Amino acid sequence: MDATSLSEVREALAGSELLAATRSFAGSLRGAVTRRTARGLLLVGTAEYEPWHLAAHLDDEAAWSAVPQLSPLLIRRQPAGPRQPGPDRLAAAGRGETVLVVSPGAAGEELLARVSDARRGGAVVLALEAGDRELGELAHERLTVDEPAEPGFDLVQHLVSAAAGERPRSRLARLVRQFTAEPVNRW
């Protein structure tokens, strides 16, 4: 999805709960990977779904936004070679690391066990999921996609990656917006 298409989608979704939720989730992602003690972003999918597309978009956002911490290490179920990290790397995740789990279906017991290990090790766990209660309970923060069928899940991934690359608004900008807004008529 190019920048123009993404802008059109954002415009169409302006004021919606989905857009607000993706921005909030992306802010949590950006905050987790840029905190002072952060040590990296691990991106993992399920046995049926590998989030390589999201990995590519996060790499692009890392470069464009000058936030290299957004560039993820993609954990693959079946590593392509000896240098490609597999499920054991996920289980070894610890303090300072952020684990982003992308699951358009059920996560599966093996993935849940490894995510649980990472959480016990001190990693921050974020989940982009489609109603998996067990995965949601493991996550520190989650974004649930109610309609995971295409283009729902793919669209949300685009919105999250783009929002993660946005520069957060400063306190001064928020105050200016607050003081220049129309007064609320409470009567």
Protein backbone atom coordinates (compact mmCIF):
# COMPACT_ATOMS: atom_id res chain seq x y z
CA MET A 1 0.00 0.00 0.00
CA ASP A 2 1.52 3.32 -1.04
CA ALA A 3 1.40 6.54 0.98
CA THR A 4 -1.47 8.00 -1.06
CA SER A 5 -3.65 4.90 -0.59
CA LEU A 6 -2.85 4.82 3.11
CA SER A 7 -3.75 8.49 3.43
CA GLU A 8 -7.07 7.85 1.70
CA VAL A 9 -7.82 4.94 4.04
CA ARG A 10 -6.98 7.07 7.07
CA GLU A 11 -9.24 9.82 5.77
CA ALA A 12 -12.09 7.35 5.28
CA LEU A 13 -11.57 6.00 8.80
CA ALA A 14 -11.13 9.41 10.45
CA GLY A 15 -12.83 9.45 13.83
CA SER A 16 -13.40 5.69 13.85
CA GLU A 17 -12.55 3.41 16.75
CA LEU A 18 -10.33 1.32 14.45
CA LEU A 19 -8.08 4.24 13.54
CA ALA A 20 -7.83 5.36 17.17
CA ALA A 21 -7.07 1.79 18.30
CA THR A 22 -4.35 1.27 15.68
CA ARG A 23 -2.73 4.58 16.57
CA SER A 24 -2.80 3.72 20.27
CA PHE A 25 -1.36 0.27 19.66
CA ALA A 26 1.33 1.69 17.35
CA GLY A 27 2.20 4.24 20.03
CA SER A 28 2.66 1.42 22.53
CA LEU A 29 4.87 -0.42 20.03
CA ARG A 30 7.00 2.65 19.38
CA GLY A 31 7.22 3.41 23.10
CA ALA A 32 8.28 -0.14 23.92
CA VAL A 33 11.09 -0.22 21.36
CA THR A 34 12.38 3.30 22.06
CA ARG A 35 12.42 3.24 25.86
CA ARG A 36 15.83 3.71 27.43
CA THR A 37 16.25 0.02 28.32
CA ALA A 38 14.97 -1.37 24.98
CA ARG A 39 17.04 -4.10 23.35
CA GLY A 40 15.13 -4.95 20.18
CA LEU A 41 11.90 -5.95 18.49
CA LEU A 42 11.09 -9.59 17.77
CA LEU A 43 8.27 -10.18 15.29
CA VAL A 44 6.60 -13.58 15.21
CA GLY A 45 3.58 -15.14 13.53
CA THR A 46 1.76 -18.43 13.84
CA ALA A 47 2.40 -21.79 12.20
CA GLU A 48 0.00 -20.77 9.41
CA TYR A 49 0.93 -17.11 9.11
CA GLU A 50 4.35 -15.51 8.85
CA PRO A 51 4.25 -11.69 9.09
CA TRP A 52 7.01 -10.99 6.55
CA HIS A 53 4.91 -8.21 4.98
CA LEU A 54 4.65 -6.38 8.31
CA ALA A 55 8.38 -6.92 8.86
CA ALA A 56 9.10 -5.21 5.53
CA HIS A 57 6.84 -2.26 6.38
CA LEU A 58 8.36 -1.85 9.84
CA ASP A 59 11.83 -1.89 8.23
CA ASP A 60 10.71 0.88 5.87
CA GLU A 61 9.19 2.91 8.71
CA ALA A 62 12.38 2.48 10.74
CA ALA A 63 14.38 4.03 7.92
CA TRP A 64 11.91 6.79 7.03
CA SER A 65 11.24 7.87 10.59
CA ALA A 66 14.87 7.57 11.74
CA VAL A 67 13.79 5.15 14.49
CA PRO A 68 15.99 2.12 13.80
CA GLN A 69 14.50 0.30 16.80
CA LEU A 70 11.32 -0.30 14.74
CA SER A 71 13.23 -2.65 12.46
CA PRO A 72 12.21 -6.13 13.65
CA LEU A 73 13.97 -9.44 13.83
CA LEU A 74 11.56 -11.84 12.12
CA ILE A 75 11.32 -15.10 14.05
CA ARG A 76 10.54 -17.90 11.62
CA ARG A 77 8.94 -21.21 12.50
CA GLN A 78 11.21 -22.96 9.99
CA PRO A 79 14.48 -20.99 9.83
CA ALA A 80 15.89 -20.67 6.30
CA GLY A 81 19.45 -21.14 7.49
CA PRO A 82 21.68 -21.38 10.54
CA ARG A 83 21.71 -17.60 11.04
CA GLN A 84 17.92 -17.20 10.84
CA PRO A 85 16.38 -17.13 14.33
CA GLY A 86 13.74 -19.72 15.12
CA PRO A 87 11.27 -20.41 17.92
CA ASP A 88 14.03 -20.92 20.49
CA ARG A 89 15.06 -17.27 20.08
CA LEU A 90 11.52 -16.25 21.00
CA ALA A 91 11.57 -18.36 24.17
CA ALA A 92 14.91 -16.76 25.12
CA ALA A 93 13.59 -13.19 24.82
CA GLY A 94 14.07 -11.24 27.99
CA ARG A 95 14.11 -7.91 29.74
CA GLY A 96 14.33 -4.96 27.38
CA GLU A 97 13.06 -6.87 24.35
CA THR A 98 9.67 -6.39 22.75
CA VAL A 99 7.81 -9.31 21.20
CA LEU A 100 5.12 -8.49 18.63
CA VAL A 101 2.91 -11.51 17.91
CA VAL A 102 0.79 -11.36 14.76
CA SER A 103 -1.97 -13.95 14.77
CA PRO A 104 -4.95 -13.83 12.38
CA GLY A 105 -6.15 -17.16 13.83
CA ALA A 106 -5.45 -19.33 16.84
CA ALA A 107 -1.87 -18.96 18.04
CA GLY A 108 -1.37 -22.62 18.91
CA GLU A 109 0.02 -24.16 22.07
CA GLU A 110 3.68 -24.14 21.01
CA LEU A 111 3.65 -20.42 20.20
CA LEU A 112 1.72 -19.61 23.38
CA ALA A 113 4.30 -21.52 25.44
CA ARG A 114 7.19 -19.61 23.86
CA VAL A 115 5.45 -16.26 24.26
CA SER A 116 4.78 -17.15 27.89
CA ASP A 117 8.50 -17.91 28.34
CA ALA A 118 9.39 -14.54 26.81
CA ARG A 119 6.97 -12.72 29.10
CA ARG A 120 8.33 -14.52 32.18
CA GLY A 121 11.81 -13.52 31.02
CA GLY A 122 10.78 -9.86 31.17
CA ALA A 123 9.96 -9.13 27.51
CA VAL A 124 7.13 -6.76 26.65
CA VAL A 125 4.51 -8.73 24.69
CA LEU A 126 2.23 -7.01 22.18
CA ALA A 127 -0.35 -8.94 20.18
CA LEU A 128 -2.10 -8.12 16.94
CA GLU A 129 -4.74 -10.82 16.92
CA ALA A 130 -8.23 -11.83 15.85
CA GLY A 131 -9.88 -12.76 19.12
CA ASP A 132 -7.47 -15.36 20.53
CA ARG A 133 -8.32 -15.11 24.24
CA GLU A 134 -5.23 -17.01 25.43
CA LEU A 135 -2.83 -14.87 23.41
CA GLY A 136 -4.66 -11.74 24.56
CA GLU A 137 -4.19 -12.75 28.19
CA LEU A 138 -0.42 -13.14 27.67
CA ALA A 139 -0.04 -9.76 26.00
CA HIS A 140 0.72 -6.57 27.86
CA GLU A 141 -1.23 -4.80 25.14
CA ARG A 142 -3.31 -6.17 22.29
CA LEU A 143 -5.14 -5.00 19.22
CA THR A 144 -8.01 -7.25 18.20
CA VAL A 145 -9.10 -7.26 14.58
CA ASP A 146 -12.79 -8.17 14.57
CA GLU A 147 -12.91 -8.89 10.82
CA PRO A 148 -9.62 -10.67 10.04
CA ALA A 149 -10.67 -11.67 6.50
CA GLU A 150 -9.02 -9.72 3.72
CA PRO A 151 -8.48 -6.83 3.66
CA GLY A 152 -9.12 -6.40 7.41
CA PHE A 153 -6.01 -7.93 8.95
CA ASP A 154 -3.69 -6.71 6.21
CA LEU A 155 -5.16 -3.21 6.40
CA VAL A 156 -4.65 -3.03 10.16
CA GLN A 157 -1.01 -4.09 9.75
CA HIS A 158 -0.48 -1.23 7.29
CA LEU A 159 -2.12 1.25 9.66
CA VAL A 160 -0.06 0.04 12.65
CA SER A 161 3.27 0.13 10.82
CA ALA A 162 2.61 3.61 9.42
CA ALA A 163 1.45 4.97 12.77
CA ALA A 164 4.47 3.47 14.54
CA GLY A 165 6.69 5.54 12.27
CA GLU A 166 4.89 8.79 13.00
CA ARG A 167 6.55 11.25 15.31
CA PRO A 168 4.55 11.47 18.53
CA ARG A 169 2.94 14.80 19.16
CA SER A 170 4.72 16.89 21.73
CA ARG A 171 3.04 18.10 24.90
CA LEU A 172 3.23 21.63 23.55
CA ALA A 173 1.39 20.64 20.36
CA ARG A 174 -1.32 18.91 22.40
CA LEU A 175 -1.71 22.00 24.62
CA VAL A 176 -1.95 24.32 21.61
CA ARG A 177 -4.61 22.08 20.06
CA GLN A 178 -6.51 21.97 23.35
CA PHE A 179 -6.48 25.74 23.88
CA THR A 180 -7.34 26.62 20.28
CA ALA A 181 -10.23 24.15 19.97
CA GLU A 182 -13.81 25.30 19.97
CA PRO A 183 -15.25 25.43 23.50
CA VAL A 184 -17.57 22.61 24.44
CA ASN A 185 -21.13 23.75 24.96
CA ARG A 186 -22.23 21.78 28.00
CA TRP A 187 -25.70 23.33 28.33
